[in-house]
Amino acid sequence: MTDSNETKNNRVGRQAVVVLGMHRAGTSALAGLLTELGGDGPSNPLGPSKNNPMGHFESRALYLLQDRLLASAGSTWSDYRSFPASWYQSPKADEFRHEVKDLLISEYGSSSFFILKDPRNCRLVPFWRDLLTRMEVRQLFVHTHRNPLEVARSLQKRDGFDLEYGCLLWLRHVLDAEAGSRGLCRSFTSYDRLLASWPAEVEKIARDLSIQWPRYHTANLPRLDEMIRPDLRRNDTPAVAESKVFATWFRDVLAVMDRWAAHGERVEDHAVLDRIRQSFDDSAEVFGNTVQAKGRSLQTERDDAREKAEAAQKIADEARKDVDKAHAQGAELQAELEAMTTERDKVAMQLDFSRNMLDQRKAEIDDTQDDLDKTRAALAEAVEGAEALAQDLGLAQQQIQALQASEARRNREFAKVQTALLAYQDRIASEDKSRQDQAAKLVTDLKDRLAKADARVHALMASNSWKVTAPLRWFVERFKR
């Protein structure tokens, strides 16, 4: 990938952490840890197995699809030769590119941060770089490795491979994964370092990739500790430098990987890895068919053994089911017997209790009978008293009725008087109002007459005749005196 493509990847929002590591090298432990830290895993993961009790944390459909992809190029997961570069230019590449894209959408949906793990990815990094770039997903690569002898012993135990063949497979996966992701955003760790101190490793990975883990907090530590457990380690071998079966290639490559995991990537080591990879590719061209034929033979034997083992396992499972069923039926019968015994004891206790209660009830009945006789005698006396009281009550009721009748008569008479009084009051009020109205009218008439008389007097005194006769009136008044 060019620098411009890497710059483009840094701008997009979606990110995929691609775990790169050889089979049996701790990739499942690493992927499980990263998933628990908050990365999204596939919706249909490959489940736990005898060799991976915690789970594989990879898509079952994707590993089957990548097996078909390898087969389309005449290869397998156990092929230590380099993947043919010409395949990427063939029509098959486009076919698988579309198929894998659809599968990623199915497994991860629209996740913005997901974990992509399958050891087959190591040999197919160019394919994944191209596909994820087309999908505008930024690629963050995390390399992990393990002592090749430990890997080879694990493969020998699981698949029947010779140690040398297992080491060749380890070398191919490590070299191709490194070369394919060189120049991109990546980080290096190892199975040993994760077991020794996984918190330090995930913090270093976060710094190398410039990311933050969504679920890295104290509340989640117990679950994170469960993902990396030293007791899950199946094989422990001496260091490669102490092994006499190892060639310089393996020691040098392991030394570089260990150094990068501890101190970070060094550019000067690229030449060492390139030289070993070129020599390895050249030798694979010469001896690859012979060694690969042996590998296919071992694979065939392994497949036959696996089929027989699966058949035997199927028979054992059926037998185990029958045994479990018998045990379950026996347990049910035992539980039923215990329940019946418990019920019997319970009924016996209830019977004893009932008998005791019956004796107690009989004694209470005798006492109650005595009390009843006394109560009956008292009741007879009370009845006689009640009859006398009833007679007195009858006389009292008659007197009350007479008083009520007398009171009713008085109430009727009072009502008549009250009605007459109200009528008289109404008449007096009406007459009083009539007299008031007449007096008011008389006052009004008198006021009108007085006003008219005053007006005539003023008019007379203001007239000329009154003024002319003034001396005559004076003389008359004088004469009267």
Protein backbone atom coordinates (compact mmCIF):
# COMPACT_ATOMS: atom_id res chain seq x y z
CA MET A 1 0.00 0.00 0.00
CA THR A 2 1.26 3.49 -0.82
CA ASP A 3 1.64 6.36 1.61
CA SER A 4 -1.37 8.08 0.05
CA ASN A 5 -3.53 5.04 0.75
CA GLU A 6 -2.32 4.98 4.36
CA THR A 7 -3.16 8.67 4.71
CA LYS A 8 -6.62 7.96 3.36
CA ASN A 9 -7.07 5.18 5.90
CA ASN A 10 -6.21 7.56 8.73
CA ARG A 11 -9.10 9.82 7.72
CA VAL A 12 -11.89 7.23 7.73
CA GLY A 13 -13.98 6.50 10.80
CA ARG A 14 -14.12 2.71 10.77
CA GLN A 15 -11.16 0.75 12.13
CA ALA A 16 -10.26 -2.94 12.09
CA VAL A 17 -7.65 -4.48 14.36
CA VAL A 18 -6.16 -7.32 12.29
CA VAL A 19 -4.50 -9.96 14.49
CA LEU A 20 -1.55 -11.58 12.70
CA GLY A 21 0.04 -14.70 14.09
CA MET A 22 0.73 -18.37 13.36
CA HIS A 23 -1.67 -21.16 14.29
CA ARG A 24 -1.19 -22.28 17.92
CA ALA A 25 0.74 -19.07 18.69
CA GLY A 26 -1.76 -17.46 21.06
CA THR A 27 -3.81 -15.56 18.49
CA SER A 28 -7.06 -16.72 20.10
CA ALA A 29 -5.96 -15.46 23.51
CA LEU A 30 -4.95 -12.11 22.02
CA ALA A 31 -8.14 -11.74 19.96
CA GLY A 32 -10.25 -12.68 22.98
CA LEU A 33 -8.48 -10.07 25.09
CA LEU A 34 -8.95 -7.34 22.46
CA THR A 35 -12.61 -8.28 22.11
CA GLU A 36 -13.10 -8.04 25.86
CA LEU A 37 -11.38 -4.64 25.75
CA GLY A 38 -14.20 -3.38 23.54
CA GLY A 39 -13.53 -4.48 19.97
CA ASP A 40 -16.47 -6.13 18.22
CA GLY A 41 -16.13 -9.82 17.42
CA PRO A 42 -17.93 -11.72 14.64
CA SER A 43 -21.62 -12.47 15.04
CA ASN A 44 -21.05 -16.18 14.34
CA PRO A 45 -17.75 -17.10 16.04
CA LEU A 46 -16.06 -20.47 15.99
CA GLY A 47 -16.91 -22.01 19.36
CA PRO A 48 -14.61 -23.42 22.06
CA SER A 49 -12.79 -26.70 21.49
CA LYS A 50 -10.53 -29.08 23.35
CA ASN A 51 -7.48 -27.16 22.13
CA ASN A 52 -9.11 -23.73 22.65
CA PRO A 53 -11.42 -23.96 25.70
CA MET A 54 -11.91 -20.17 25.84
CA GLY A 55 -12.95 -19.99 22.19
CA HIS A 56 -11.27 -18.99 18.92
CA PHE A 57 -12.74 -15.45 18.57
CA GLU A 58 -12.82 -15.72 14.80
CA SER A 59 -15.57 -16.11 12.24
CA ARG A 60 -16.35 -19.73 11.41
CA ALA A 61 -17.68 -18.74 7.99
CA LEU A 62 -14.60 -16.61 7.28
CA TYR A 63 -12.06 -19.34 8.02
CA LEU A 64 -14.00 -21.74 5.78
CA LEU A 65 -14.11 -19.08 3.07
CA GLN A 66 -10.37 -18.45 3.34
CA ASP A 67 -9.72 -22.18 3.03
CA ARG A 68 -11.58 -22.02 -0.28
CA LEU A 69 -9.60 -18.94 -1.25
CA LEU A 70 -6.32 -20.77 -0.58
CA ALA A 71 -7.58 -23.80 -2.52
CA SER A 72 -8.41 -21.58 -5.50
CA ALA A 73 -4.67 -20.80 -5.66
CA GLY A 74 -3.65 -24.46 -5.20
CA SER A 75 -2.66 -23.95 -1.58
CA THR A 76 -3.84 -24.86 1.92
CA TRP A 77 -3.49 -23.44 5.40
CA SER A 78 -0.61 -25.88 6.02
CA ASP A 79 1.36 -24.87 2.91
CA TYR A 80 4.72 -23.36 3.89
CA ARG A 81 5.37 -21.99 0.39
CA SER A 82 4.61 -18.34 -0.41
CA PHE A 83 1.17 -17.53 -1.71
CA PRO A 84 1.34 -16.96 -5.52
CA ALA A 85 1.40 -13.24 -6.27
CA SER A 86 -0.22 -13.83 -9.67
CA TRP A 87 -3.45 -14.87 -7.97
CA TYR A 88 -4.13 -11.25 -6.92
CA GLN A 89 -4.38 -10.28 -10.61
CA SER A 90 -6.68 -13.19 -11.53
CA PRO A 91 -10.49 -13.14 -11.86
CA LYS A 92 -10.65 -15.28 -8.72
CA ALA A 93 -9.34 -12.39 -6.67
CA ASP A 94 -12.33 -10.22 -7.65
CA GLU A 95 -14.70 -13.11 -6.99
CA PHE A 96 -13.41 -13.67 -3.46
CA ARG A 97 -13.10 -9.97 -2.81
CA HIS A 98 -16.85 -9.52 -3.29
CA GLU A 99 -17.66 -12.66 -1.32
CA VAL A 100 -15.45 -11.73 1.63
CA LYS A 101 -16.83 -8.18 1.65
CA ASP A 102 -20.39 -9.48 1.94
CA LEU A 103 -19.30 -11.84 4.69
CA LEU A 104 -17.64 -9.03 6.66
CA ILE A 105 -20.85 -7.01 6.47
CA SER A 106 -22.79 -10.04 7.68
CA GLU A 107 -20.39 -10.75 10.56
CA TYR A 108 -19.60 -7.20 11.72
CA GLY A 109 -22.45 -5.06 10.38
CA SER A 110 -21.67 -1.35 10.64
CA SER A 111 -19.21 -1.74 13.53
CA SER A 112 -16.74 1.11 13.72
CA PHE A 113 -14.18 -0.92 15.67
CA PHE A 114 -13.88 -4.68 15.12
CA ILE A 115 -11.35 -7.48 15.65
CA LEU A 116 -10.40 -9.54 12.59
CA LYS A 117 -8.54 -12.73 13.47
CA ASP A 118 -7.64 -15.83 11.47
CA PRO A 119 -4.07 -17.21 11.24
CA ARG A 120 -4.65 -17.55 7.47
CA ASN A 121 -4.56 -13.74 7.35
CA CYS A 122 -0.75 -13.91 7.73
CA ARG A 123 -0.34 -15.26 4.22
CA LEU A 124 -3.05 -13.05 2.73
CA VAL A 125 -2.17 -9.58 4.07
CA PRO A 126 -2.11 -7.98 0.56
CA PHE A 127 -5.66 -9.26 -0.03
CA TRP A 128 -6.89 -7.79 3.27
CA ARG A 129 -5.10 -4.48 2.75
CA ASP A 130 -6.76 -4.05 -0.64
CA LEU A 131 -10.22 -5.13 0.52
CA LEU A 132 -10.32 -3.04 3.69
CA THR A 133 -9.03 0.00 1.80
CA ARG A 134 -11.86 -0.39 -0.72
CA MET A 135 -14.29 -0.59 2.22
CA GLU A 136 -12.73 2.58 3.72
CA VAL A 137 -11.70 0.77 6.88
CA ARG A 138 -8.47 1.80 8.56
CA GLN A 139 -6.21 -1.21 9.21
CA LEU A 140 -4.43 -1.60 12.54
CA PHE A 141 -2.18 -4.67 12.63
CA VAL A 142 -1.19 -6.47 15.84
CA HIS A 143 1.51 -9.11 15.41
CA THR A 144 1.96 -11.84 17.97
CA HIS A 145 4.36 -14.76 17.97
CA ARG A 146 5.40 -17.68 20.08
CA ASN A 147 8.48 -19.86 20.33
CA PRO A 148 8.41 -21.87 17.07
CA LEU A 149 9.27 -25.08 18.90
CA GLU A 150 6.19 -24.65 21.10
CA VAL A 151 4.08 -24.04 18.00
CA ALA A 152 5.60 -27.05 16.22
CA ARG A 153 5.00 -29.33 19.22
CA SER A 154 1.41 -28.15 19.43
CA LEU A 155 0.90 -28.83 15.72
CA GLN A 156 2.55 -32.23 16.10
CA LYS A 157 0.14 -33.10 18.88
CA ARG A 158 -2.93 -31.76 17.09
CA ASP A 159 -2.18 -32.45 13.41
CA GLY A 160 0.65 -35.02 13.41
CA PHE A 161 3.16 -32.71 11.69
CA ASP A 162 6.91 -33.25 12.11
CA LEU A 163 8.63 -30.62 14.22
CA GLU A 164 10.64 -29.40 11.24
CA TYR A 165 7.51 -29.00 9.14
CA GLY A 166 5.74 -27.12 11.92
CA CYS A 167 8.72 -24.75 12.19
CA LEU A 168 8.60 -24.09 8.45
CA LEU A 169 4.93 -23.17 8.71
CA TRP A 170 5.76 -20.84 11.62
CA LEU A 171 8.50 -19.15 9.56
CA ARG A 172 6.20 -18.65 6.56
CA HIS A 173 3.39 -17.07 8.59
CA VAL A 174 5.69 -14.74 10.57
CA LEU A 175 7.70 -13.54 7.57
CA ASP A 176 4.73 -12.99 5.25
CA ALA A 177 2.73 -11.20 7.95
CA GLU A 178 5.63 -8.82 8.68
CA ALA A 179 6.40 -8.11 5.02
CA GLY A 180 2.76 -7.63 4.09
CA SER A 181 2.06 -5.08 6.85
CA ARG A 182 5.38 -3.21 6.71
CA GLY A 183 4.94 0.56 6.60
CA LEU A 184 1.43 0.44 8.07
CA CYS A 185 0.16 1.19 11.56
CA ARG A 186 1.16 -1.89 13.57
CA SER A 187 2.29 -3.17 16.94
CA PHE A 188 4.25 -6.24 18.06
CA THR A 189 3.74 -8.44 21.09
CA SER A 190 4.21 -12.10 21.97
CA TYR A 191 2.43 -14.90 23.75
CA ASP A 192 5.05 -14.90 26.52
CA ARG A 193 4.71 -11.17 27.13
CA LEU A 194 0.91 -11.40 27.28
CA LEU A 195 1.14 -14.17 29.86
CA ALA A 196 3.70 -12.22 31.87
CA SER A 197 1.81 -8.89 31.95
CA TRP A 198 -1.13 -8.42 29.65
CA PRO A 199 -1.99 -4.91 31.04
CA ALA A 200 1.42 -3.57 30.01
CA GLU A 201 1.04 -5.13 26.56
CA VAL A 202 -2.43 -3.78 25.80
CA GLU A 203 -1.33 -0.30 26.90
CA LYS A 204 1.70 -0.54 24.60
CA ILE A 205 -0.49 -1.73 21.72
CA ALA A 206 -2.87 1.20 22.31
CA ARG A 207 0.07 3.64 22.17
CA ASP A 208 1.48 2.05 19.02
CA LEU A 209 -1.90 2.18 17.25
CA SER A 210 -2.97 5.57 18.69
CA ILE A 211 -6.27 4.20 20.00
CA GLN A 212 -8.14 3.86 23.29
CA TRP A 213 -9.72 0.60 24.46
CA PRO A 214 -13.47 1.12 25.14
CA ARG A 215 -13.65 -1.29 28.10
CA TYR A 216 -10.25 -0.98 29.78
CA HIS A 217 -11.27 -0.14 33.35
CA THR A 218 -11.09 -1.68 36.82
CA ALA A 219 -14.65 -3.05 36.74
CA ASN A 220 -13.70 -5.26 33.80
CA LEU A 221 -10.36 -6.52 35.14
CA PRO A 222 -11.64 -9.89 36.46
CA ARG A 223 -13.04 -10.77 33.04
CA LEU A 224 -9.87 -9.58 31.30
CA ASP A 225 -7.75 -11.73 33.64
CA GLU A 226 -9.82 -14.74 32.61
CA MET A 227 -8.87 -14.21 28.96
CA ILE A 228 -5.10 -14.57 29.61
CA ARG A 229 -4.37 -17.47 31.96
CA PRO A 230 -0.97 -19.17 32.19
CA ASP A 231 -2.65 -22.51 32.92
CA LEU A 232 -4.01 -22.54 29.36
CA ARG A 233 -0.47 -22.92 28.00
CA ARG A 234 -0.17 -26.39 26.47
CA ASN A 235 3.50 -26.57 25.52
CA ASP A 236 6.59 -25.04 27.12
CA THR A 237 9.98 -25.50 25.43
CA PRO A 238 13.54 -24.27 25.85
CA ALA A 239 14.65 -21.11 24.11
CA VAL A 240 15.39 -21.43 20.42
CA ALA A 241 19.06 -20.57 20.95
CA GLU A 242 19.38 -23.65 23.15
CA SER A 243 17.73 -25.97 20.63
CA LYS A 244 19.98 -28.03 18.39
CA VAL A 245 17.26 -28.68 15.81
CA PHE A 246 16.91 -25.03 14.86
CA ALA A 247 18.60 -23.37 11.93
CA THR A 248 19.87 -19.79 11.93
CA TRP A 249 16.73 -18.60 10.16
CA PHE A 250 14.44 -19.44 13.04
CA ARG A 251 16.78 -18.06 15.70
CA ASP A 252 17.32 -14.79 13.83
CA VAL A 253 13.64 -14.24 13.04
CA LEU A 254 12.61 -15.04 16.60
CA ALA A 255 15.27 -12.69 17.93
CA VAL A 256 13.92 -9.85 15.78
CA MET A 257 10.31 -10.52 16.81
CA ASP A 258 11.25 -10.68 20.49
CA ARG A 259 13.25 -7.48 20.19
CA TRP A 260 10.41 -5.63 18.46
CA ALA A 261 7.87 -6.87 21.00
CA ALA A 262 10.07 -5.59 23.85
CA HIS A 263 11.49 -2.36 22.42
CA GLY A 264 9.60 -1.52 19.24
CA GLU A 265 10.29 -1.97 15.54
CA ARG A 266 13.80 -1.22 14.20
CA VAL A 267 14.21 -0.33 10.53
CA GLU A 268 17.68 -1.91 10.39
CA ASP A 269 16.12 -5.32 11.09
CA HIS A 270 14.12 -5.18 7.85
CA ALA A 271 17.14 -6.21 5.84
CA VAL A 272 17.68 -9.27 8.05
CA LEU A 273 14.08 -10.37 7.59
CA ASP A 274 14.13 -9.67 3.83
CA ARG A 275 17.28 -11.75 3.41
CA ILE A 276 15.86 -14.70 5.33
CA ARG A 277 12.54 -14.46 3.48
CA GLN A 278 14.24 -14.44 0.09
CA SER A 279 16.38 -17.46 0.99
CA PHE A 280 13.33 -19.23 2.36
CA ASP A 281 11.34 -18.52 -0.82
CA ASP A 282 14.21 -19.81 -2.99
CA SER A 283 14.53 -23.03 -1.02
CA ALA A 284 10.77 -23.53 -1.04
CA GLU A 285 10.83 -23.42 -4.84
CA VAL A 286 13.41 -26.20 -4.89
CA PHE A 287 12.15 -28.51 -2.14
CA GLY A 288 8.60 -27.29 -1.75
CA ASN A 289 6.83 -29.97 -3.78
CA THR A 290 8.59 -32.82 -1.98
CA VAL A 291 8.00 -31.38 1.48
CA GLN A 292 4.49 -30.31 0.61
CA ALA A 293 3.68 -33.80 -0.65
CA LYS A 294 4.74 -35.13 2.72
CA GLY A 295 2.62 -32.47 4.33
CA ARG A 296 -0.40 -33.48 2.22
CA SER A 297 0.20 -37.12 3.14
CA LEU A 298 0.25 -36.18 6.80
CA GLN A 299 -2.85 -34.09 6.25
CA THR A 300 -4.63 -37.05 4.64
CA GLU A 301 -3.64 -39.30 7.52
CA ARG A 302 -4.76 -36.62 9.92
CA ASP A 303 -8.12 -36.29 8.13
CA ASP A 304 -8.60 -40.07 8.22
CA ALA A 305 -7.69 -40.15 11.88
CA ARG A 306 -10.00 -37.24 12.53
CA GLU A 307 -12.89 -39.02 10.77
CA LYS A 308 -12.26 -42.15 12.84
CA ALA A 309 -11.95 -40.09 15.97
CA GLU A 310 -15.16 -38.24 15.16
CA ALA A 311 -16.94 -41.55 14.55
CA ALA A 312 -15.61 -42.94 17.82
CA GLN A 313 -16.51 -39.72 19.54
CA LYS A 314 -20.02 -39.96 18.11
CA ILE A 315 -20.39 -43.50 19.47
CA ALA A 316 -18.97 -42.38 22.81
CA ASP A 317 -21.32 -39.43 22.85
CA GLU A 318 -24.31 -41.68 22.19
CA ALA A 319 -23.19 -44.07 24.92
CA ARG A 320 -22.64 -41.14 27.23
CA LYS A 321 -26.13 -39.90 26.45
CA ASP A 322 -27.57 -43.34 27.30
CA VAL A 323 -25.60 -43.42 30.54
CA ASP A 324 -26.62 -39.89 31.36
CA LYS A 325 -30.22 -40.79 30.58
CA ALA A 326 -30.04 -43.83 32.87
CA HIS A 327 -28.45 -41.74 35.58
CA ALA A 328 -31.13 -39.13 35.12
CA GLN A 329 -33.90 -41.73 35.33
CA GLY A 330 -32.29 -43.26 38.43
CA ALA A 331 -31.98 -39.84 39.96
CA GLU A 332 -35.62 -39.13 39.17
CA LEU A 333 -36.72 -42.44 40.78
CA GLN A 334 -34.54 -41.76 43.81
CA ALA A 335 -35.93 -38.28 44.10
CA GLU A 336 -39.47 -39.65 43.75
CA LEU A 337 -38.81 -42.29 46.47
CA GLU A 338 -37.36 -39.65 48.77
CA ALA A 339 -40.34 -37.42 48.09
CA MET A 340 -42.76 -40.28 48.87
CA THR A 341 -40.89 -41.11 52.10
CA THR A 342 -40.95 -37.48 53.11
CA GLU A 343 -44.65 -37.29 52.30
CA ARG A 344 -45.32 -40.48 54.34
CA ASP A 345 -43.49 -39.08 57.36
CA LYS A 346 -45.34 -35.83 56.94
CA VAL A 347 -48.72 -37.61 56.85
CA ALA A 348 -47.81 -39.63 59.98
CA MET A 349 -46.88 -36.45 61.81
CA GLN A 350 -50.12 -34.85 60.69
CA LEU A 351 -52.09 -37.92 61.92
CA ASP A 352 -50.48 -37.76 65.37
CA PHE A 353 -51.13 -34.08 65.52
CA SER A 354 -54.76 -34.62 64.49
CA ARG A 355 -55.26 -37.24 67.21
CA ASN A 356 -53.90 -34.89 69.85
CA MET A 357 -56.07 -32.11 68.55
CA LEU A 358 -59.13 -34.45 68.64
CA ASP A 359 -58.57 -35.30 72.33
CA GLN A 360 -58.14 -31.63 73.08
CA ARG A 361 -61.34 -30.79 71.16
CA LYS A 362 -63.30 -33.45 73.16
CA ALA A 363 -62.20 -31.89 76.45
CA GLU A 364 -63.12 -28.46 75.11
CA ILE A 365 -66.55 -29.80 74.05
CA ASP A 366 -67.24 -31.10 77.59
CA ASP A 367 -66.30 -27.75 79.03
CA THR A 368 -68.38 -26.01 76.43
CA GLN A 369 -71.42 -28.19 77.26
CA ASP A 370 -71.28 -27.06 80.90
CA ASP A 371 -71.02 -23.48 79.83
CA LEU A 372 -73.92 -24.03 77.43
CA ASP A 373 -76.22 -25.34 80.22
CA LYS A 374 -75.41 -22.32 82.35
CA THR A 375 -75.98 -20.06 79.39
CA ARG A 376 -79.38 -21.65 78.68
CA ALA A 377 -80.52 -21.04 82.31
CA ALA A 378 -79.35 -17.47 82.12
CA LEU A 379 -81.09 -17.10 78.78
CA ALA A 380 -84.41 -18.31 80.25
CA GLU A 381 -84.20 -15.70 82.97
CA ALA A 382 -83.31 -13.10 80.39
CA VAL A 383 -86.36 -14.11 78.30
CA GLU A 384 -88.70 -13.62 81.26
CA GLY A 385 -87.16 -10.21 81.92
CA ALA A 386 -87.44 -9.36 78.26
CA GLU A 387 -91.16 -10.18 78.21
CA ALA A 388 -91.78 -7.85 81.19
CA LEU A 389 -89.76 -5.17 79.49
CA ALA A 390 -91.80 -5.73 76.33
CA GLN A 391 -95.03 -5.02 78.21
CA ASP A 392 -93.58 -1.85 79.72
CA LEU A 393 -92.35 -0.88 76.30
CA GLY A 394 -95.85 -1.28 74.86
CA LEU A 395 -97.36 1.07 77.45
CA ALA A 396 -94.56 3.56 76.88
CA GLN A 397 -95.14 3.44 73.12
CA GLN A 398 -98.87 4.16 73.63
CA GLN A 399 -98.05 7.18 75.77
CA ILE A 400 -95.53 8.37 73.19
CA GLN A 401 -98.13 8.06 70.43
CA ALA A 402 -100.64 10.12 72.49
CA LEU A 403 -98.05 12.80 73.10
CA GLN A 404 -97.11 12.81 69.42
CA ALA A 405 -100.80 13.28 68.45
CA SER A 406 -101.19 16.17 70.93
CA GLU A 407 -98.03 17.77 69.63
CA ALA A 408 -99.28 17.43 66.07
CA ARG A 409 -102.51 19.29 66.98
CA ARG A 410 -100.56 22.06 68.64
CA ASN A 411 -98.32 22.31 65.59
CA ARG A 412 -101.36 22.65 63.30
CA GLU A 413 -102.89 25.35 65.49
CA PHE A 414 -99.59 27.18 65.64
CA ALA A 415 -99.34 27.01 61.85
CA LYS A 416 -102.82 28.57 61.50
CA VAL A 417 -101.97 31.38 63.94
CA GLN A 418 -98.66 31.94 62.21
CA THR A 419 -100.39 32.10 58.82
CA ALA A 420 -102.96 34.65 60.12
CA LEU A 421 -100.21 36.71 61.68
CA LEU A 422 -98.26 36.76 58.45
CA ALA A 423 -101.39 37.83 56.54
CA TYR A 424 -102.07 40.63 59.10
CA GLN A 425 -98.47 41.78 58.83
CA ASP A 426 -98.77 41.84 55.05
CA ARG A 427 -102.01 43.91 55.24
CA ILE A 428 -100.57 46.37 57.76
CA ALA A 429 -97.48 46.74 55.62
CA SER A 430 -99.61 47.33 52.52
CA GLU A 431 -101.79 49.94 54.28
CA ASP A 432 -98.76 51.68 55.75
CA LYS A 433 -97.20 51.88 52.33
CA SER A 434 -100.44 53.31 50.89
CA ARG A 435 -100.57 56.01 53.61
CA GLN A 436 -96.91 56.83 53.03
CA ASP A 437 -97.57 57.17 49.29
CA GLN A 438 -100.57 59.51 49.95
CA ALA A 439 -98.58 61.66 52.40
CA ALA A 440 -95.73 61.89 49.92
CA LYS A 441 -98.17 62.96 47.20
CA LEU A 442 -99.76 65.61 49.49
CA VAL A 443 -96.34 67.00 50.40
CA THR A 444 -95.47 67.15 46.72
CA ASP A 445 -98.74 69.03 45.90
CA LEU A 446 -98.19 71.50 48.73
CA LYS A 447 -94.68 72.16 47.57
CA ASP A 448 -95.96 72.79 44.04
CA ARG A 449 -98.66 75.27 45.28
CA LEU A 450 -96.17 77.09 47.50
CA ALA A 451 -93.76 77.40 44.63
CA LYS A 452 -96.48 78.78 42.38
CA ALA A 453 -97.57 81.31 45.06
CA ASP A 454 -94.00 82.41 45.56
CA ALA A 455 -93.70 82.86 41.85
CA ARG A 456 -96.86 85.05 41.68
CA VAL A 457 -95.61 87.19 44.60
CA HIS A 458 -92.28 87.74 42.95
CA ALA A 459 -93.99 88.56 39.68
CA LEU A 460 -96.31 91.05 41.37
CA MET A 461 -93.54 92.77 43.21
CA ALA A 462 -91.53 93.05 40.03
CA SER A 463 -94.44 94.57 38.04
CA ASN A 464 -94.77 98.31 37.22
CA SER A 465 -98.13 98.59 38.92
CA TRP A 466 -96.57 97.44 42.19
CA LYS A 467 -93.87 100.03 41.85
CA VAL A 468 -96.35 102.86 40.96
CA THR A 469 -98.62 102.10 43.88
CA ALA A 470 -95.76 101.95 46.37
CA PRO A 471 -96.44 105.52 47.73
CA LEU A 472 -100.12 104.70 48.13
CA ARG A 473 -99.33 101.60 50.13
CA TRP A 474 -96.98 103.64 52.33
CA PHE A 475 -99.69 106.18 52.97
CA VAL A 476 -102.21 103.50 53.84
CA GLU A 477 -99.78 101.87 56.24
CA ARG A 478 -99.16 105.21 57.89
CA PHE A 479 -102.85 105.88 58.14
CA LYS A 480 -103.45 102.50 59.82
CA ARG A 481 -101.00 103.41 62.50
